[in-house]
C-alpha atoms as a PDB file:
ATOM      1  CA  UNK A   1      -0.027   0.014  -0.002  1.00  0.00           C
ATOM      2  CA  UNK A   2       2.777   2.400   0.899  1.00  0.00           C
ATOM      3  CA  UNK A   3       4.489   1.747  -2.432  1.00  0.00           C
ATOM      4  CA  UNK A   4       1.362   2.839  -4.377  1.00  0.00           C
ATOM      5  CA  UNK A   5       0.937   5.920  -2.235  1.00  0.00           C
ATOM      6  CA  UNK A   6       4.501   7.072  -2.976  1.00  0.00           C
ATOM      7  CA  UNK A   7       3.997   6.434  -6.697  1.00  0.00           C
ATOM      8  CA  UNK A   8       0.866   8.598  -6.573  1.00  0.00           C
ATOM      9  CA  UNK A   9       2.770  11.365  -4.718  1.00  0.00           C
ATOM     10  CA  UNK A  10       5.551  11.315  -7.320  1.00  0.00           C
ATOM     11  CA  UNK A  11       3.014  11.368 -10.144  1.00  0.00           C
ATOM     12  CA  UNK A  12       1.238  14.397  -8.659  1.00  0.00           C
ATOM     13  CA  UNK A  13       4.492  16.192  -8.035  1.00  0.00           C
ATOM     14  CA  UNK A  14       5.284  16.301 -11.774  1.00  0.00           C
ATOM     15  CA  UNK A  15       1.795  16.694 -13.268  1.00  0.00           C
ATOM     16  CA  UNK A  16      -0.361  19.788 -13.228  1.00  0.00           C
ATOM     17  CA  UNK A  17      -3.843  18.737 -11.985  1.00  0.00           C
ATOM     18  CA  UNK A  18      -5.427  21.378 -14.294  1.00  0.00           C
ATOM     19  CA  UNK A  19      -4.013  19.458 -17.267  1.00  0.00           C
ATOM     20  CA  UNK A  20      -5.502  16.183 -15.978  1.00  0.00           C
ATOM     21  CA  UNK A  21      -8.958  17.645 -15.332  1.00  0.00           C
ATOM     22  CA  UNK A  22      -9.366  20.306 -17.934  1.00  0.00           C
ATOM     23  CA  UNK A  23     -12.757  21.874 -18.587  1.00  0.00           C
ATOM     24  CA  UNK A  24     -14.597  21.447 -21.910  1.00  0.00           C
ATOM     25  CA  UNK A  25     -16.100  24.453 -23.679  1.00  0.00           C
ATOM     26  CA  UNK A  26     -19.542  22.840 -23.313  1.00  0.00           C
ATOM     27  CA  UNK A  27     -19.161  22.607 -19.485  1.00  0.00           C
ATOM     28  CA  UNK A  28     -17.974  26.208 -19.272  1.00  0.00           C
ATOM     29  CA  UNK A  29     -20.994  27.432 -21.324  1.00  0.00           C
ATOM     30  CA  UNK A  30     -23.333  25.991 -18.708  1.00  0.00           C
ATOM     31  CA  UNK A  31     -21.993  28.680 -16.278  1.00  0.00           C
ATOM     32  CA  UNK A  32     -23.531  31.521 -18.244  1.00  0.00           C
ATOM     33  CA  UNK A  33     -26.276  33.744 -16.938  1.00  0.00           C
ATOM     34  CA  UNK A  34     -26.313  33.495 -13.089  1.00  0.00           C
ATOM     35  CA  UNK A  35     -24.673  35.244 -10.155  1.00  0.00           C
ATOM     36  CA  UNK A  36     -26.488  33.675  -7.190  1.00  0.00           C
ATOM     37  CA  UNK A  37     -26.002  30.101  -5.877  1.00  0.00           C
ATOM     38  CA  UNK A  38     -25.966  27.901  -2.790  1.00  0.00           C
ATOM     39  CA  UNK A  39     -22.828  26.345  -1.362  1.00  0.00           C
ATOM     40  CA  UNK A  40     -22.837  22.779  -0.004  1.00  0.00           C
ATOM     41  CA  UNK A  41     -19.738  21.119   1.467  1.00  0.00           C
ATOM     42  CA  UNK A  42     -19.900  17.394   2.127  1.00  0.00           C
ATOM     43  CA  UNK A  43     -19.125  16.273   5.665  1.00  0.00           C
ATOM     44  CA  UNK A  44     -15.425  15.490   6.177  1.00  0.00           C
ATOM     45  CA  UNK A  45     -14.115  12.177   7.465  1.00  0.00           C
ATOM     46  CA  UNK A  46     -13.680  12.020  11.229  1.00  0.00           C
ATOM     47  CA  UNK A  47      -9.899  11.468  10.966  1.00  0.00           C
ATOM     48  CA  UNK A  48      -9.533  14.733   8.935  1.00  0.00           C
ATOM     49  CA  UNK A  49     -11.499  16.649  11.591  1.00  0.00           C
ATOM     50  CA  UNK A  50      -9.454  15.036  14.361  1.00  0.00           C
ATOM     51  CA  UNK A  51      -6.354  16.281  12.549  1.00  0.00           C
ATOM     52  CA  UNK A  52      -7.714  19.859  12.719  1.00  0.00           C
ATOM     53  CA  UNK A  53      -9.744  20.762   9.614  1.00  0.00           C
ATOM     54  CA  UNK A  54     -13.505  21.143   9.594  1.00  0.00           C
ATOM     55  CA  UNK A  55     -16.365  21.336   7.069  1.00  0.00           C
ATOM     56  CA  UNK A  56     -17.258  24.787   8.493  1.00  0.00           C
ATOM     57  CA  UNK A  57     -13.781  26.142   7.728  1.00  0.00           C
ATOM     58  CA  UNK A  58     -14.057  25.005   4.079  1.00  0.00           C
ATOM     59  CA  UNK A  59     -17.639  26.293   3.806  1.00  0.00           C
ATOM     60  CA  UNK A  60     -16.585  29.731   5.068  1.00  0.00           C
ATOM     61  CA  UNK A  61     -13.534  29.808   2.707  1.00  0.00           C
ATOM     62  CA  UNK A  62     -15.611  28.877  -0.294  1.00  0.00           C
ATOM     63  CA  UNK A  63     -18.410  31.306   0.477  1.00  0.00           C
ATOM     64  CA  UNK A  64     -15.997  34.172   1.138  1.00  0.00           C
ATOM     65  CA  UNK A  65     -14.090  33.573  -2.104  1.00  0.00           C
ATOM     66  CA  UNK A  66     -17.321  33.411  -4.122  1.00  0.00           C
ATOM     67  CA  UNK A  67     -18.697  36.599  -2.460  1.00  0.00           C
ATOM     68  CA  UNK A  68     -15.429  38.415  -3.279  1.00  0.00           C
ATOM     69  CA  UNK A  69     -15.886  37.352  -6.904  1.00  0.00           C
ATOM     70  CA  UNK A  70     -19.374  38.976  -6.914  1.00  0.00           C
ATOM     71  CA  UNK A  71     -21.656  36.014  -6.259  1.00  0.00           C
ATOM     72  CA  UNK A  72     -24.718  36.218  -4.037  1.00  0.00           C
ATOM     73  CA  UNK A  73     -24.755  33.244  -1.657  1.00  0.00           C
ATOM     74  CA  UNK A  74     -28.206  31.824  -0.991  1.00  0.00           C
ATOM     75  CA  UNK A  75     -28.930  30.368   2.414  1.00  0.00           C
ATOM     76  CA  UNK A  76     -29.927  26.742   2.878  1.00  0.00           C
ATOM     77  CA  UNK A  77     -33.573  27.772   3.467  1.00  0.00           C
ATOM     78  CA  UNK A  78     -33.878  29.793   0.196  1.00  0.00           C
ATOM     79  CA  UNK A  79     -35.871  27.859  -2.405  1.00  0.00           C
ATOM     80  CA  UNK A  80     -36.280  30.503  -5.106  1.00  0.00           C
ATOM     81  CA  UNK A  81     -35.366  29.304  -8.562  1.00  0.00           C
ATOM     82  CA  UNK A  82     -33.095  28.757 -10.324  1.00  0.00           C
ATOM     83  CA  UNK A  83     -31.634  25.733  -8.510  1.00  0.00           C
ATOM     84  CA  UNK A  84     -27.865  26.257  -8.676  1.00  0.00           C
ATOM     85  CA  UNK A  85     -25.478  24.720  -6.124  1.00  0.00           C
ATOM     86  CA  UNK A  86     -21.666  24.830  -5.893  1.00  0.00           C
ATOM     87  CA  UNK A  87     -20.919  21.437  -4.287  1.00  0.00           C
ATOM     88  CA  UNK A  88     -17.559  20.273  -2.868  1.00  0.00           C
ATOM     89  CA  UNK A  89     -16.544  16.985  -1.454  1.00  0.00           C
ATOM     90  CA  UNK A  90     -13.211  16.328   0.341  1.00  0.00           C
ATOM     91  CA  UNK A  91     -12.574  12.598   0.684  1.00  0.00           C
ATOM     92  CA  UNK A  92      -9.491  11.264   2.466  1.00  0.00           C
ATOM     93  CA  UNK A  93      -7.596   8.122   3.271  1.00  0.00           C
ATOM     94  CA  UNK A  94      -5.121   7.938   6.074  1.00  0.00           C
ATOM     95  CA  UNK A  95      -1.963   6.732   4.283  1.00  0.00           C
ATOM     96  CA  UNK A  96      -0.524   4.997   7.411  1.00  0.00           C
ATOM     97  CA  UNK A  97       2.683   7.026   7.260  1.00  0.00           C
ATOM     98  CA  UNK A  98       1.576  10.261   8.946  1.00  0.00           C
ATOM     99  CA  UNK A  99      -0.553  11.863   6.302  1.00  0.00           C
ATOM    100  CA  UNK A 100      -3.612  11.685   4.071  1.00  0.00           C
ATOM    101  CA  UNK A 101      -4.320  11.103   0.417  1.00  0.00           C
ATOM    102  CA  UNK A 102      -7.087  13.515  -0.388  1.00  0.00           C
ATOM    103  CA  UNK A 103      -9.465  13.795  -3.300  1.00  0.00           C
ATOM    104  CA  UNK A 104     -11.227  17.146  -3.770  1.00  0.00           C
ATOM    105  CA  UNK A 105     -14.186  17.350  -6.204  1.00  0.00           C
ATOM    106  CA  UNK A 106     -16.073  20.538  -6.979  1.00  0.00           C
ATOM    107  CA  UNK A 107     -19.105  20.643  -9.167  1.00  0.00           C
ATOM    108  CA  UNK A 108     -21.836  23.021 -10.219  1.00  0.00           C
ATOM    109  CA  UNK A 109     -25.165  21.302  -9.933  1.00  0.00           C
ATOM    110  CA  UNK A 110     -28.226  22.831 -11.581  1.00  0.00           C
ATOM    111  CA  UNK A 111     -31.656  21.922 -12.867  1.00  0.00           C
ATOM    112  CA  UNK A 112     -31.590  20.653 -16.423  1.00  0.00           C
ATOM    113  CA  UNK A 113     -34.333  19.663 -18.854  1.00  0.00           C
ATOM    114  CA  UNK A 114     -34.097  16.561 -21.022  1.00  0.00           C
ATOM    115  CA  UNK A 115     -33.870  17.424 -24.714  1.00  0.00           C
ATOM    116  CA  UNK A 116     -35.947  14.349 -25.766  1.00  0.00           C
ATOM    117  CA  UNK A 117     -38.779  15.137 -23.245  1.00  0.00           C
ATOM    118  CA  UNK A 118     -39.084  18.763 -22.086  1.00  0.00           C
ATOM    119  CA  UNK A 119     -41.476  17.707 -19.343  1.00  0.00           C
ATOM    120  CA  UNK A 120     -38.697  15.879 -17.480  1.00  0.00           C
ATOM    121  CA  UNK A 121     -36.190  17.841 -15.461  1.00  0.00           C
ATOM    122  CA  UNK A 122     -33.553  16.733 -12.999  1.00  0.00           C
ATOM    123  CA  UNK A 123     -30.571  18.090 -11.039  1.00  0.00           C
ATOM    124  CA  UNK A 124     -27.195  17.343 -12.738  1.00  0.00           C
ATOM    125  CA  UNK A 125     -23.604  18.395 -12.452  1.00  0.00           C
ATOM    126  CA  UNK A 126     -22.801  20.551 -15.489  1.00  0.00           C
ATOM    127  CA  UNK A 127     -19.257  21.656 -14.498  1.00  0.00           C
ATOM    128  CA  UNK A 128     -16.651  19.660 -12.469  1.00  0.00           C
ATOM    129  CA  UNK A 129     -13.089  19.856 -11.346  1.00  0.00           C
ATOM    130  CA  UNK A 130     -11.078  17.259  -9.348  1.00  0.00           C
ATOM    131  CA  UNK A 131      -7.727  17.224  -7.577  1.00  0.00           C
ATOM    132  CA  UNK A 132      -5.827  14.539  -5.751  1.00  0.00           C
ATOM    133  CA  UNK A 133      -3.273  15.690  -3.235  1.00  0.00           C
ATOM    134  CA  UNK A 134      -1.247  14.372  -0.399  1.00  0.00           C
ATOM    135  CA  UNK A 135      -0.761  16.191   2.909  1.00  0.00           C
ATOM    136  CA  UNK A 136       0.999  15.309   6.186  1.00  0.00           C
ATOM    137  CA  UNK A 137      -1.132  15.502   9.308  1.00  0.00           C
ATOM    138  CA  UNK A 138       0.809  18.541  10.675  1.00  0.00           C
ATOM    139  CA  UNK A 139      -0.131  20.461   7.443  1.00  0.00           C
ATOM    140  CA  UNK A 140      -3.714  19.323   7.122  1.00  0.00           C
ATOM    141  CA  UNK A 141      -4.866  22.966   6.825  1.00  0.00           C
ATOM    142  CA  UNK A 142      -3.218  22.988   3.353  1.00  0.00           C
ATOM    143  CA  UNK A 143      -6.357  21.145   2.182  1.00  0.00           C
ATOM    144  CA  UNK A 144      -8.102  24.480   2.479  1.00  0.00           C
ATOM    145  CA  UNK A 145      -5.598  25.968   0.006  1.00  0.00           C
ATOM    146  CA  UNK A 146      -6.316  23.178  -2.510  1.00  0.00           C
ATOM    147  CA  UNK A 147     -10.078  23.681  -2.034  1.00  0.00           C
ATOM    148  CA  UNK A 148      -9.596  27.382  -2.695  1.00  0.00           C
ATOM    149  CA  UNK A 149      -7.777  26.540  -5.926  1.00  0.00           C
ATOM    150  CA  UNK A 150     -10.842  24.567  -7.021  1.00  0.00           C
ATOM    151  CA  UNK A 151     -13.000  27.684  -6.355  1.00  0.00           C
ATOM    152  CA  UNK A 152     -10.546  29.786  -8.361  1.00  0.00           C
ATOM    153  CA  UNK A 153     -10.996  27.394 -11.287  1.00  0.00           C
ATOM    154  CA  UNK A 154     -14.741  27.723 -11.021  1.00  0.00           C
ATOM    155  CA  UNK A 155     -14.610  31.539 -10.850  1.00  0.00           C
ATOM    156  CA  UNK A 156     -12.257  31.684 -13.859  1.00  0.00           C
ATOM    157  CA  UNK A 157     -14.613  29.415 -15.891  1.00  0.00           C
ATOM    158  CA  UNK A 158     -17.639  31.539 -14.860  1.00  0.00           C
ATOM    159  CA  UNK A 159     -15.872  34.675 -15.926  1.00  0.00           C
ATOM    160  CA  UNK A 160     -15.018  33.096 -19.284  1.00  0.00           C
ATOM    161  CA  UNK A 161     -18.622  31.955 -19.801  1.00  0.00           C
ATOM    162  CA  UNK A 162     -19.981  35.399 -19.041  1.00  0.00           C
ATOM    163  CA  UNK A 163     -17.429  37.553 -20.873  1.00  0.00           C
ATOM    164  CA  UNK A 164     -18.698  39.867 -23.538  1.00  0.00           C
ATOM    165  CA  UNK A 165     -17.859  38.898 -27.109  1.00  0.00           C
ATOM    166  CA  UNK A 166     -14.781  40.759 -28.359  1.00  0.00           C
ATOM    167  CA  UNK A 167     -16.804  42.711 -30.963  1.00  0.00           C
ATOM    168  CA  UNK A 168     -19.023  44.203 -28.212  1.00  0.00           C
ATOM    169  CA  UNK A 169     -16.010  45.153 -26.161  1.00  0.00           C
ATOM    170  CA  UNK A 170     -14.320  46.996 -28.988  1.00  0.00           C
ATOM    171  CA  UNK A 171     -17.546  48.702 -30.190  1.00  0.00           C
ATOM    172  CA  UNK A 172     -19.685  49.436 -27.146  1.00  0.00           C
ATOM    173  CA  UNK A 173     -23.272  50.575 -27.794  1.00  0.00           C
ATOM    174  CA  UNK A 174     -24.094  54.256 -27.200  1.00  0.00           C
ATOM    175  CA  UNK A 175     -24.544  55.161 -23.470  1.00  0.00           C
ATOM    176  CA  UNK A 176     -28.144  56.377 -23.816  1.00  0.00           C
ATOM    177  CA  UNK A 177     -29.115  53.427 -26.087  1.00  0.00           C
ATOM    178  CA  UNK A 178     -30.013  55.818 -28.865  1.00  0.00           C
ATOM    179  CA  UNK A 179     -28.291  55.143 -32.136  1.00  0.00           C
ATOM    180  CA  UNK A 180     -26.139  57.954 -33.503  1.00  0.00           C
ATOM    181  CA  UNK A 181     -27.771  59.780 -36.439  1.00  0.00           C
ATOM    182  CA  UNK A 182     -26.657  58.517 -39.785  1.00  0.00           C
ATOM    183  CA  UNK A 183     -27.755  61.497 -41.897  1.00  0.00           C
ATOM    184  CA  UNK A 184     -27.118  65.165 -41.131  1.00  0.00           C
ATOM    185  CA  UNK A 185     -30.281  66.862 -39.914  1.00  0.00           C
ATOM    186  CA  UNK A 186     -31.769  70.004 -41.360  1.00  0.00           C
ATOM    187  CA  UNK A 187     -32.941  73.191 -39.768  1.00  0.00           C
ATOM    188  CA  UNK A 188     -35.446  75.365 -41.621  1.00  0.00           C
ATOM    189  CA  UNK A 189     -34.626  73.751 -44.905  1.00  0.00           C
ATOM    190  CA  UNK A 190     -30.875  74.302 -44.544  1.00  0.00           C
ATOM    191  CA  UNK A 191     -28.375  71.500 -44.213  1.00  0.00           C
ATOM    192  CA  UNK A 192     -26.526  71.461 -40.842  1.00  0.00           C
ATOM    193  CA  UNK A 193     -22.850  70.368 -41.093  1.00  0.00           C
ATOM    194  CA  UNK A 194     -22.490  66.823 -39.828  1.00  0.00           C
END
């Protein structure tokens, strides 16, 4: 078992997790058009909590980061549509040598309608990111940093999905939403210079 753990650690030391779990354009596009969501963090394993990290710490970190990025965080009791939840699970295995192998999965879950039958809707994950890390028990708080990196990936993907097309950025519409006149106007039958 220890041999496989060390192979995993060596693999992770030389591979960028973002390259392993890259986001597709289709997944990113599902992040368009919302700025309010709920945050749900799965309960941590007792051995992680005993080592000094709690679900509440991660919940606070995630909500704070999302608020700083401009999201409105809905409370658990709010039921107003649309149903959009940022969900994170932190699963761990005590490696038997003073640390943990940790899998962090973040997903955006939202209500989707089946294309083949518009009367059927369900909640599904439309965006996801995963990381596998190893931490020693004395540095278990580093899991919060890895969780924050997942939130950063989500925020970056959300910004990409909601960015204005380049054409609109280079040629913004008039401020008062009135198109500029195309033809010079006349005053008492005389042409006004345009």
